[in-house]
Amino acid sequence: SGDIGCYTLGATAPLNAMDSCVCMGASISALHGFNKARNMEERSVAVIGDSTFMHSGMTGLVNIGYNKGNSTVIILDNRITGMTGHQENPTTGRTLKGEEVPQISIEAVCHAAGINRVRVVDPYDVAQVESVLKEELAAPEPSVIISRRPCVLLKSVPRKSPLTVNTQKC
């Protein structure tokens, strides 16, 4: 179950990485509803961005914790509101005007929602992501995986040389 964000660009072919995308903040609530209606919660995942989670996704996570769900939620924390123009959000520690404010911890919000299993992964470490995803999908309780890596479009993120394909080795 997905949400609106840059990761939604992977919903269609060739990735086909998402079965549903309704509206901003609906991924977690939709997944929880689908799971309860189908009475089947194993191996189901909701994907949401950090900004959308703070805006309207955390209420769905509270429902999962409160109603004893067993879903896995993946929060893609790119340290900014990416798809709509790189605005600050409660996780960045700055207001839209650039004023410093307390930085809201996604991990603390998840724990406050009643989720005991909260893991942070680096999406560039594919082996770690795969291992944690398998563990959390197999867990007998709800879990959150926070995939944390700054958006590559942020000016503060160092640029690396683009990758190329060596056709001689193919």
N, C-alpha and C. Protein backbone atom coordinates (compact mmCIF):
# COMPACT_ATOMS: atom_id res chain seq x y z
N SER A 1 0.86 -1.17 0.00
CA SER A 1 0.00 0.00 0.00
C SER A 1 0.90 1.22 0.00
N GLY A 2 0.67 2.11 -0.93
CA GLY A 2 1.56 3.25 -1.06
C GLY A 2 0.90 4.58 -0.79
N ASP A 3 1.69 5.60 -0.89
CA ASP A 3 1.28 6.97 -0.67
C ASP A 3 1.78 7.82 -1.82
N ILE A 4 1.42 9.08 -1.81
CA ILE A 4 1.89 10.00 -2.83
C ILE A 4 3.28 10.49 -2.44
N GLY A 5 4.22 10.35 -3.33
CA GLY A 5 5.59 10.79 -3.08
C GLY A 5 6.48 10.36 -4.23
N CYS A 6 7.75 10.71 -4.16
CA CYS A 6 8.65 10.38 -5.27
C CYS A 6 8.77 8.86 -5.47
N TYR A 7 8.61 8.09 -4.41
CA TYR A 7 8.68 6.63 -4.53
C TYR A 7 7.50 6.07 -5.31
N THR A 8 6.42 6.83 -5.44
CA THR A 8 5.26 6.38 -6.22
C THR A 8 5.61 6.25 -7.70
N LEU A 9 6.69 6.91 -8.11
CA LEU A 9 7.13 6.79 -9.51
C LEU A 9 7.52 5.34 -9.84
N GLY A 10 7.76 4.52 -8.82
CA GLY A 10 8.08 3.11 -9.02
C GLY A 10 6.87 2.20 -8.98
N ALA A 11 5.67 2.79 -8.99
CA ALA A 11 4.44 1.99 -8.88
C ALA A 11 4.15 1.20 -10.14
N THR A 12 4.54 1.72 -11.28
CA THR A 12 4.22 1.07 -12.55
C THR A 12 5.44 0.35 -13.10
N ALA A 13 5.28 -0.25 -14.25
CA ALA A 13 6.37 -0.99 -14.89
C ALA A 13 7.57 -0.06 -15.11
N PRO A 14 8.75 -0.55 -14.98
CA PRO A 14 9.10 -1.95 -14.83
C PRO A 14 9.14 -2.44 -13.38
N LEU A 15 9.07 -1.55 -12.39
CA LEU A 15 9.20 -1.97 -11.00
C LEU A 15 7.93 -2.60 -10.43
N ASN A 16 6.77 -2.05 -10.77
CA ASN A 16 5.49 -2.55 -10.24
C ASN A 16 5.57 -2.73 -8.72
N ALA A 17 6.07 -1.70 -8.04
CA ALA A 17 6.39 -1.80 -6.62
C ALA A 17 5.26 -1.40 -5.68
N MET A 18 4.05 -1.19 -6.21
CA MET A 18 2.97 -0.74 -5.35
C MET A 18 1.64 -1.26 -5.88
N ASP A 19 0.80 -1.76 -4.99
CA ASP A 19 -0.51 -2.26 -5.39
C ASP A 19 -1.60 -1.22 -5.29
N SER A 20 -1.44 -0.24 -4.37
CA SER A 20 -2.47 0.79 -4.22
C SER A 20 -1.85 2.12 -3.84
N CYS A 21 -2.45 3.18 -4.32
CA CYS A 21 -2.06 4.54 -3.95
C CYS A 21 -3.33 5.38 -4.02
N VAL A 22 -3.87 5.74 -2.86
CA VAL A 22 -5.15 6.42 -2.82
C VAL A 22 -4.96 7.93 -2.71
N CYS A 23 -4.37 8.38 -1.63
CA CYS A 23 -4.16 9.80 -1.41
C CYS A 23 -3.10 9.99 -0.33
N MET A 24 -2.72 11.24 -0.10
CA MET A 24 -1.69 11.56 0.88
C MET A 24 -2.10 11.07 2.27
N GLY A 25 -1.27 10.21 2.84
CA GLY A 25 -1.50 9.72 4.19
C GLY A 25 -2.34 8.47 4.29
N ALA A 26 -2.78 7.91 3.17
CA ALA A 26 -3.71 6.78 3.23
C ALA A 26 -3.04 5.42 3.28
N SER A 27 -1.75 5.34 3.00
CA SER A 27 -1.12 4.02 2.87
C SER A 27 -1.24 3.17 4.13
N ILE A 28 -0.96 3.74 5.28
CA ILE A 28 -0.97 2.97 6.52
C ILE A 28 -2.39 2.57 6.90
N SER A 29 -3.31 3.53 6.86
CA SER A 29 -4.70 3.23 7.21
C SER A 29 -5.31 2.24 6.23
N ALA A 30 -5.02 2.40 4.94
CA ALA A 30 -5.56 1.48 3.94
C ALA A 30 -5.03 0.07 4.17
N LEU A 31 -3.74 -0.05 4.43
CA LEU A 31 -3.16 -1.37 4.68
C LEU A 31 -3.80 -2.01 5.90
N HIS A 32 -3.94 -1.24 6.96
CA HIS A 32 -4.54 -1.78 8.19
C HIS A 32 -5.98 -2.24 7.93
N GLY A 33 -6.74 -1.44 7.20
CA GLY A 33 -8.12 -1.82 6.87
C GLY A 33 -8.19 -3.05 6.00
N PHE A 34 -7.33 -3.10 4.97
CA PHE A 34 -7.30 -4.28 4.10
C PHE A 34 -6.97 -5.52 4.91
N ASN A 35 -5.98 -5.41 5.77
CA ASN A 35 -5.55 -6.56 6.57
C ASN A 35 -6.64 -7.05 7.51
N LYS A 36 -7.31 -6.12 8.17
CA LYS A 36 -8.37 -6.52 9.10
C LYS A 36 -9.56 -7.10 8.33
N ALA A 37 -9.90 -6.52 7.18
CA ALA A 37 -11.02 -7.02 6.38
C ALA A 37 -10.74 -8.41 5.82
N ARG A 38 -9.49 -8.63 5.43
CA ARG A 38 -9.11 -9.93 4.85
C ARG A 38 -8.70 -10.93 5.91
N ASN A 39 -8.52 -10.46 7.16
CA ASN A 39 -8.03 -11.30 8.25
C ASN A 39 -6.71 -11.96 7.86
N MET A 40 -5.87 -11.19 7.19
CA MET A 40 -4.57 -11.70 6.73
C MET A 40 -3.56 -10.56 6.82
N GLU A 41 -2.61 -10.68 7.75
CA GLU A 41 -1.69 -9.57 7.95
C GLU A 41 -0.23 -9.93 7.67
N GLU A 42 0.05 -11.14 7.32
CA GLU A 42 1.43 -11.52 7.08
C GLU A 42 1.91 -10.95 5.75
N ARG A 43 3.14 -10.51 5.76
CA ARG A 43 3.84 -10.10 4.54
C ARG A 43 3.16 -8.95 3.80
N SER A 44 2.58 -8.04 4.56
CA SER A 44 1.98 -6.85 3.95
C SER A 44 2.71 -5.61 4.43
N VAL A 45 2.83 -4.63 3.53
CA VAL A 45 3.66 -3.47 3.80
C VAL A 45 2.96 -2.20 3.35
N ALA A 46 3.12 -1.13 4.12
CA ALA A 46 2.73 0.21 3.69
C ALA A 46 4.00 1.02 3.53
N VAL A 47 4.04 1.87 2.52
CA VAL A 47 5.20 2.73 2.27
C VAL A 47 4.73 4.17 2.31
N ILE A 48 5.46 5.00 3.07
CA ILE A 48 5.09 6.41 3.23
C ILE A 48 6.36 7.23 3.43
N GLY A 49 6.33 8.48 2.99
CA GLY A 49 7.48 9.36 3.18
C GLY A 49 7.47 10.00 4.56
N ASP A 50 8.60 10.54 4.97
CA ASP A 50 8.72 11.15 6.30
C ASP A 50 7.79 12.34 6.47
N SER A 51 7.70 13.19 5.47
CA SER A 51 6.85 14.35 5.56
C SER A 51 5.37 13.97 5.62
N THR A 52 4.95 13.05 4.76
CA THR A 52 3.56 12.61 4.76
C THR A 52 3.23 11.87 6.05
N PHE A 53 4.18 11.12 6.58
CA PHE A 53 3.96 10.45 7.86
C PHE A 53 3.63 11.47 8.94
N MET A 54 4.39 12.56 8.98
CA MET A 54 4.14 13.60 9.97
C MET A 54 2.84 14.35 9.69
N HIS A 55 2.50 14.51 8.44
CA HIS A 55 1.31 15.27 8.06
C HIS A 55 0.03 14.50 8.35
N SER A 56 -0.03 13.25 7.91
CA SER A 56 -1.29 12.53 8.04
C SER A 56 -1.15 11.02 8.12
N GLY A 57 0.04 10.51 8.27
CA GLY A 57 0.23 9.06 8.32
C GLY A 57 0.29 8.48 9.72
N MET A 58 0.72 9.29 10.68
CA MET A 58 0.92 8.73 12.01
C MET A 58 -0.38 8.27 12.66
N THR A 59 -1.50 8.83 12.27
CA THR A 59 -2.77 8.38 12.84
C THR A 59 -3.07 6.94 12.46
N GLY A 60 -2.71 6.55 11.24
CA GLY A 60 -2.87 5.15 10.82
C GLY A 60 -2.00 4.22 11.64
N LEU A 61 -0.79 4.68 11.97
CA LEU A 61 0.10 3.85 12.79
C LEU A 61 -0.45 3.68 14.20
N VAL A 62 -1.06 4.73 14.74
CA VAL A 62 -1.71 4.62 16.05
C VAL A 62 -2.80 3.55 15.99
N ASN A 63 -3.56 3.53 14.91
CA ASN A 63 -4.62 2.52 14.77
C ASN A 63 -4.05 1.11 14.71
N ILE A 64 -2.94 0.92 14.02
CA ILE A 64 -2.31 -0.40 13.97
C ILE A 64 -1.90 -0.84 15.37
N GLY A 65 -1.25 0.06 16.11
CA GLY A 65 -0.84 -0.27 17.47
C GLY A 65 -2.02 -0.53 18.38
N TYR A 66 -3.01 0.33 18.34
CA TYR A 66 -4.17 0.23 19.22
C TYR A 66 -5.03 -1.00 18.92
N ASN A 67 -5.20 -1.31 17.63
CA ASN A 67 -6.06 -2.43 17.22
C ASN A 67 -5.30 -3.74 17.03
N LYS A 68 -4.08 -3.79 17.56
CA LYS A 68 -3.28 -5.01 17.53
C LYS A 68 -3.08 -5.54 16.12
N GLY A 69 -2.71 -4.64 15.22
CA GLY A 69 -2.40 -5.06 13.85
C GLY A 69 -1.05 -5.75 13.80
N ASN A 70 -0.71 -6.26 12.64
CA ASN A 70 0.57 -6.93 12.47
C ASN A 70 1.20 -6.54 11.14
N SER A 71 1.04 -5.29 10.77
CA SER A 71 1.57 -4.82 9.50
C SER A 71 2.98 -4.27 9.67
N THR A 72 3.69 -4.20 8.56
CA THR A 72 5.00 -3.57 8.53
C THR A 72 4.87 -2.27 7.75
N VAL A 73 5.32 -1.18 8.37
CA VAL A 73 5.28 0.13 7.74
C VAL A 73 6.71 0.55 7.43
N ILE A 74 6.94 0.98 6.21
CA ILE A 74 8.26 1.48 5.81
C ILE A 74 8.14 2.99 5.62
N ILE A 75 8.90 3.73 6.42
CA ILE A 75 8.91 5.19 6.31
C ILE A 75 10.19 5.58 5.58
N LEU A 76 10.03 6.21 4.43
CA LEU A 76 11.17 6.64 3.64
C LEU A 76 11.56 8.04 4.08
N ASP A 77 12.60 8.12 4.90
CA ASP A 77 13.02 9.38 5.50
C ASP A 77 14.16 9.98 4.69
N ASN A 78 13.81 10.92 3.80
CA ASN A 78 14.84 11.56 2.98
C ASN A 78 15.20 12.95 3.51
N ARG A 79 14.77 13.25 4.75
CA ARG A 79 15.15 14.46 5.47
C ARG A 79 14.58 15.75 4.88
N ILE A 80 13.49 15.63 4.08
CA ILE A 80 12.89 16.81 3.45
C ILE A 80 11.55 16.41 2.85
N THR A 81 10.76 17.36 2.43
CA THR A 81 9.54 17.06 1.67
C THR A 81 9.95 17.08 0.21
N GLY A 82 10.26 15.92 -0.35
CA GLY A 82 10.93 15.84 -1.64
C GLY A 82 10.11 16.15 -2.86
N MET A 83 8.99 15.48 -3.05
CA MET A 83 8.28 15.54 -4.32
C MET A 83 7.70 16.91 -4.63
N THR A 84 7.37 17.68 -3.62
CA THR A 84 6.68 18.95 -3.86
C THR A 84 7.58 20.18 -3.77
N GLY A 85 8.88 20.00 -3.70
CA GLY A 85 9.75 21.17 -3.76
C GLY A 85 10.73 21.36 -2.63
N HIS A 86 10.98 20.32 -1.86
CA HIS A 86 12.00 20.35 -0.81
C HIS A 86 11.68 21.32 0.33
N GLN A 87 10.43 21.30 0.80
CA GLN A 87 10.07 22.09 1.96
C GLN A 87 10.51 21.38 3.23
N GLU A 88 10.73 22.17 4.27
CA GLU A 88 11.04 21.60 5.57
C GLU A 88 9.80 20.90 6.11
N ASN A 89 9.99 20.00 7.07
CA ASN A 89 8.88 19.34 7.74
C ASN A 89 9.28 19.10 9.19
N PRO A 90 8.40 18.63 10.04
CA PRO A 90 8.73 18.50 11.46
C PRO A 90 9.95 17.63 11.77
N THR A 91 10.39 16.80 10.84
CA THR A 91 11.57 15.95 11.10
C THR A 91 12.89 16.67 10.80
N THR A 92 12.83 17.84 10.17
CA THR A 92 14.07 18.51 9.74
C THR A 92 14.66 19.44 10.78
N GLY A 93 13.84 19.86 11.77
CA GLY A 93 14.34 20.78 12.78
C GLY A 93 14.32 22.24 12.35
N ARG A 94 13.61 22.52 11.25
CA ARG A 94 13.48 23.90 10.78
C ARG A 94 12.06 24.14 10.28
N THR A 95 11.58 25.36 10.46
CA THR A 95 10.27 25.72 9.93
C THR A 95 10.42 26.05 8.45
N LEU A 96 9.29 26.29 7.79
CA LEU A 96 9.33 26.69 6.39
C LEU A 96 10.09 28.00 6.19
N LYS A 97 10.17 28.82 7.23
CA LYS A 97 10.92 30.08 7.17
C LYS A 97 12.39 29.89 7.53
N GLY A 98 12.79 28.65 7.83
CA GLY A 98 14.18 28.37 8.17
C GLY A 98 14.53 28.55 9.63
N GLU A 99 13.55 28.82 10.47
CA GLU A 99 13.80 28.99 11.90
C GLU A 99 14.05 27.62 12.54
N GLU A 100 15.01 27.57 13.45
CA GLU A 100 15.30 26.31 14.14
C GLU A 100 14.21 26.01 15.16
N VAL A 101 13.76 24.75 15.16
CA VAL A 101 12.75 24.25 16.09
C VAL A 101 13.17 22.85 16.52
N PRO A 102 12.57 22.31 17.58
CA PRO A 102 12.91 20.93 17.94
C PRO A 102 12.63 19.97 16.78
N GLN A 103 13.56 19.09 16.54
CA GLN A 103 13.42 18.09 15.48
C GLN A 103 12.60 16.93 16.02
N ILE A 104 11.51 16.60 15.35
CA ILE A 104 10.65 15.50 15.79
C ILE A 104 11.28 14.17 15.37
N SER A 105 11.40 13.26 16.31
CA SER A 105 11.99 11.95 16.05
C SER A 105 10.92 10.98 15.55
N ILE A 106 11.10 10.47 14.35
CA ILE A 106 10.17 9.48 13.81
C ILE A 106 10.14 8.25 14.72
N GLU A 107 11.31 7.85 15.19
CA GLU A 107 11.38 6.68 16.06
C GLU A 107 10.53 6.89 17.32
N ALA A 108 10.63 8.07 17.94
CA ALA A 108 9.88 8.35 19.16
C ALA A 108 8.37 8.35 18.89
N VAL A 109 7.97 8.90 17.75
CA VAL A 109 6.55 8.90 17.40
C VAL A 109 6.05 7.46 17.25
N CYS A 110 6.84 6.62 16.58
CA CYS A 110 6.45 5.22 16.38
C CYS A 110 6.32 4.49 17.71
N HIS A 111 7.27 4.69 18.60
CA HIS A 111 7.20 4.05 19.93
C HIS A 111 5.98 4.57 20.70
N ALA A 112 5.71 5.88 20.60
CA ALA A 112 4.54 6.46 21.30
C ALA A 112 3.24 5.90 20.74
N ALA A 113 3.25 5.47 19.47
CA ALA A 113 2.06 4.88 18.85
C ALA A 113 1.87 3.42 19.26
N GLY A 114 2.77 2.89 20.07
CA GLY A 114 2.64 1.52 20.55
C GLY A 114 3.39 0.50 19.72
N ILE A 115 4.30 0.95 18.88
CA ILE A 115 5.08 0.03 18.04
C ILE A 115 6.41 -0.24 18.74
N ASN A 116 6.65 -1.49 19.09
CA ASN A 116 7.89 -1.87 19.78
C ASN A 116 9.04 -2.10 18.82
N ARG A 117 8.73 -2.62 17.64
CA ARG A 117 9.77 -2.97 16.67
C ARG A 117 9.96 -1.82 15.68
N VAL A 118 10.99 -1.01 15.93
CA VAL A 118 11.31 0.13 15.06
C VAL A 118 12.78 -0.01 14.66
N ARG A 119 13.03 -0.15 13.37
CA ARG A 119 14.38 -0.35 12.86
C ARG A 119 14.73 0.76 11.89
N VAL A 120 15.99 1.18 11.87
CA VAL A 120 16.48 2.18 10.93
C VAL A 120 17.49 1.52 10.02
N VAL A 121 17.32 1.70 8.71
CA VAL A 121 18.24 1.12 7.74
C VAL A 121 18.73 2.20 6.78
N ASP A 122 19.86 1.92 6.16
CA ASP A 122 20.41 2.76 5.10
C ASP A 122 20.03 2.10 3.78
N PRO A 123 19.22 2.75 2.94
CA PRO A 123 18.78 2.11 1.70
C PRO A 123 19.91 1.75 0.75
N TYR A 124 21.09 2.35 0.94
CA TYR A 124 22.23 2.00 0.09
C TYR A 124 22.84 0.65 0.50
N ASP A 125 22.52 0.18 1.69
CA ASP A 125 23.00 -1.12 2.17
C ASP A 125 21.91 -2.15 1.86
N VAL A 126 21.92 -2.64 0.64
CA VAL A 126 20.85 -3.52 0.15
C VAL A 126 20.76 -4.80 0.98
N ALA A 127 21.89 -5.36 1.35
CA ALA A 127 21.87 -6.60 2.15
C ALA A 127 21.20 -6.35 3.50
N GLN A 128 21.50 -5.23 4.14
CA GLN A 128 20.87 -4.90 5.42
C GLN A 128 19.36 -4.71 5.24
N VAL A 129 18.96 -3.98 4.22
CA VAL A 129 17.54 -3.73 3.97
C VAL A 129 16.80 -5.04 3.76
N GLU A 130 17.37 -5.91 2.95
CA GLU A 130 16.72 -7.20 2.67
C GLU A 130 16.59 -8.04 3.94
N SER A 131 17.64 -8.07 4.75
CA SER A 131 17.63 -8.84 5.98
C SER A 131 16.59 -8.29 6.96
N VAL A 132 16.57 -6.98 7.17
CA VAL A 132 15.63 -6.36 8.10
C VAL A 132 14.20 -6.54 7.60
N LEU A 133 13.99 -6.39 6.32
CA LEU A 133 12.64 -6.56 5.76
C LEU A 133 12.13 -7.97 6.00
N LYS A 134 12.96 -8.98 5.77
CA LYS A 134 12.55 -10.36 6.01
C LYS A 134 12.23 -10.59 7.49
N GLU A 135 13.07 -10.04 8.39
CA GLU A 135 12.83 -10.20 9.82
C GLU A 135 11.52 -9.55 10.24
N GLU A 136 11.27 -8.35 9.77
CA GLU A 136 10.07 -7.62 10.20
C GLU A 136 8.80 -8.21 9.59
N LEU A 137 8.86 -8.70 8.38
CA LEU A 137 7.69 -9.35 7.79
C LEU A 137 7.34 -10.64 8.52
N ALA A 138 8.33 -11.28 9.11
CA ALA A 138 8.11 -12.53 9.83
C ALA A 138 7.73 -12.31 11.30
N ALA A 139 7.88 -11.09 11.79
CA ALA A 139 7.61 -10.80 13.20
C ALA A 139 6.12 -10.94 13.52
N PRO A 140 5.80 -11.43 14.71
CA PRO A 140 4.40 -11.63 15.10
C PRO A 140 3.75 -10.38 15.70
N GLU A 141 4.26 -9.21 15.38
CA GLU A 141 3.71 -7.95 15.88
C GLU A 141 4.00 -6.85 14.87
N PRO A 142 3.35 -5.70 15.00
CA PRO A 142 3.58 -4.63 14.03
C PRO A 142 5.01 -4.09 14.11
N SER A 143 5.48 -3.57 13.00
CA SER A 143 6.84 -3.04 12.98
C SER A 143 6.94 -1.86 12.02
N VAL A 144 7.98 -1.08 12.24
CA VAL A 144 8.29 0.04 11.36
C VAL A 144 9.75 -0.06 10.96
N ILE A 145 9.99 0.12 9.67
CA ILE A 145 11.35 0.21 9.14
C ILE A 145 11.50 1.64 8.63
N ILE A 146 12.47 2.35 9.16
CA ILE A 146 12.75 3.70 8.69
C ILE A 146 13.96 3.62 7.77
N SER A 147 13.73 3.91 6.52
CA SER A 147 14.80 3.90 5.52
C SER A 147 15.32 5.33 5.42
N ARG A 148 16.51 5.58 5.95
CA ARG A 148 17.00 6.95 6.12
C ARG A 148 18.22 7.23 5.25
N ARG A 149 18.04 8.19 4.36
CA ARG A 149 19.14 8.67 3.51
C ARG A 149 18.68 10.00 2.93
N PRO A 150 19.49 11.06 3.05
CA PRO A 150 19.06 12.36 2.50
C PRO A 150 18.79 12.30 1.00
N CYS A 151 17.80 13.07 0.57
CA CYS A 151 17.45 13.17 -0.84
C CYS A 151 18.68 13.61 -1.64
N VAL A 152 18.94 12.93 -2.72
CA VAL A 152 20.13 13.26 -3.54
C VAL A 152 20.00 14.62 -4.22
N LEU A 153 18.80 15.18 -4.24
CA LEU A 153 18.61 16.49 -4.87
C LEU A 153 18.88 17.66 -3.92
N LEU A 154 19.10 17.37 -2.64
CA LEU A 154 19.42 18.44 -1.69
C LEU A 154 20.80 19.01 -1.99
N LYS A 155 20.93 20.31 -1.90
CA LYS A 155 22.21 20.97 -2.18
C LYS A 155 23.30 20.54 -1.20
N SER A 156 22.91 20.14 0.00
CA SER A 156 23.89 19.74 1.02
C SER A 156 24.43 18.33 0.81
N VAL A 157 23.85 17.56 -0.10
CA VAL A 157 24.29 16.18 -0.32
C VAL A 157 25.41 16.19 -1.37
N PRO A 158 26.59 15.65 -1.01
CA PRO A 158 27.70 15.62 -1.97
C PRO A 158 27.35 14.80 -3.20
N ARG A 159 27.74 15.28 -4.33
CA ARG A 159 27.49 14.59 -5.60
C ARG A 159 28.63 13.63 -5.93
N LYS A 160 28.27 12.48 -6.42
CA LYS A 160 29.26 11.52 -6.89
C LYS A 160 29.20 11.47 -8.41
N SER A 161 30.23 10.99 -9.01
CA SER A 161 30.22 10.84 -10.47
C SER A 161 29.13 9.88 -10.87
N PRO A 162 28.47 10.16 -12.00
CA PRO A 162 27.41 9.25 -12.44
C PRO A 162 27.97 7.87 -12.77
N LEU A 163 27.15 6.85 -12.59
CA LEU A 163 27.55 5.49 -12.91
C LEU A 163 27.45 5.29 -14.41
N THR A 164 28.29 4.45 -14.93
CA THR A 164 28.23 4.11 -16.35
C THR A 164 28.29 2.59 -16.49
N VAL A 165 27.83 2.12 -17.60
CA VAL A 165 27.86 0.68 -17.90
C VAL A 165 29.03 0.42 -18.82
N ASN A 166 29.85 -0.54 -18.40
CA ASN A 166 30.95 -0.97 -19.25
C ASN A 166 30.43 -2.10 -20.14
N THR A 167 30.07 -1.76 -21.36
CA THR A 167 29.47 -2.75 -22.26
C THR A 167 30.43 -3.86 -22.62
N GLN A 168 31.73 -3.64 -22.47
CA GLN A 168 32.73 -4.67 -22.75
C GLN A 168 32.62 -5.83 -21.77
N LYS A 169 32.14 -5.53 -20.55
CA LYS A 169 32.02 -6.57 -19.52
C LYS A 169 30.65 -7.23 -19.48
N CYS A 170 29.72 -6.75 -20.30
CA CYS A 170 28.37 -7.30 -20.31
C CYS A 170 28.31 -8.59 -21.10
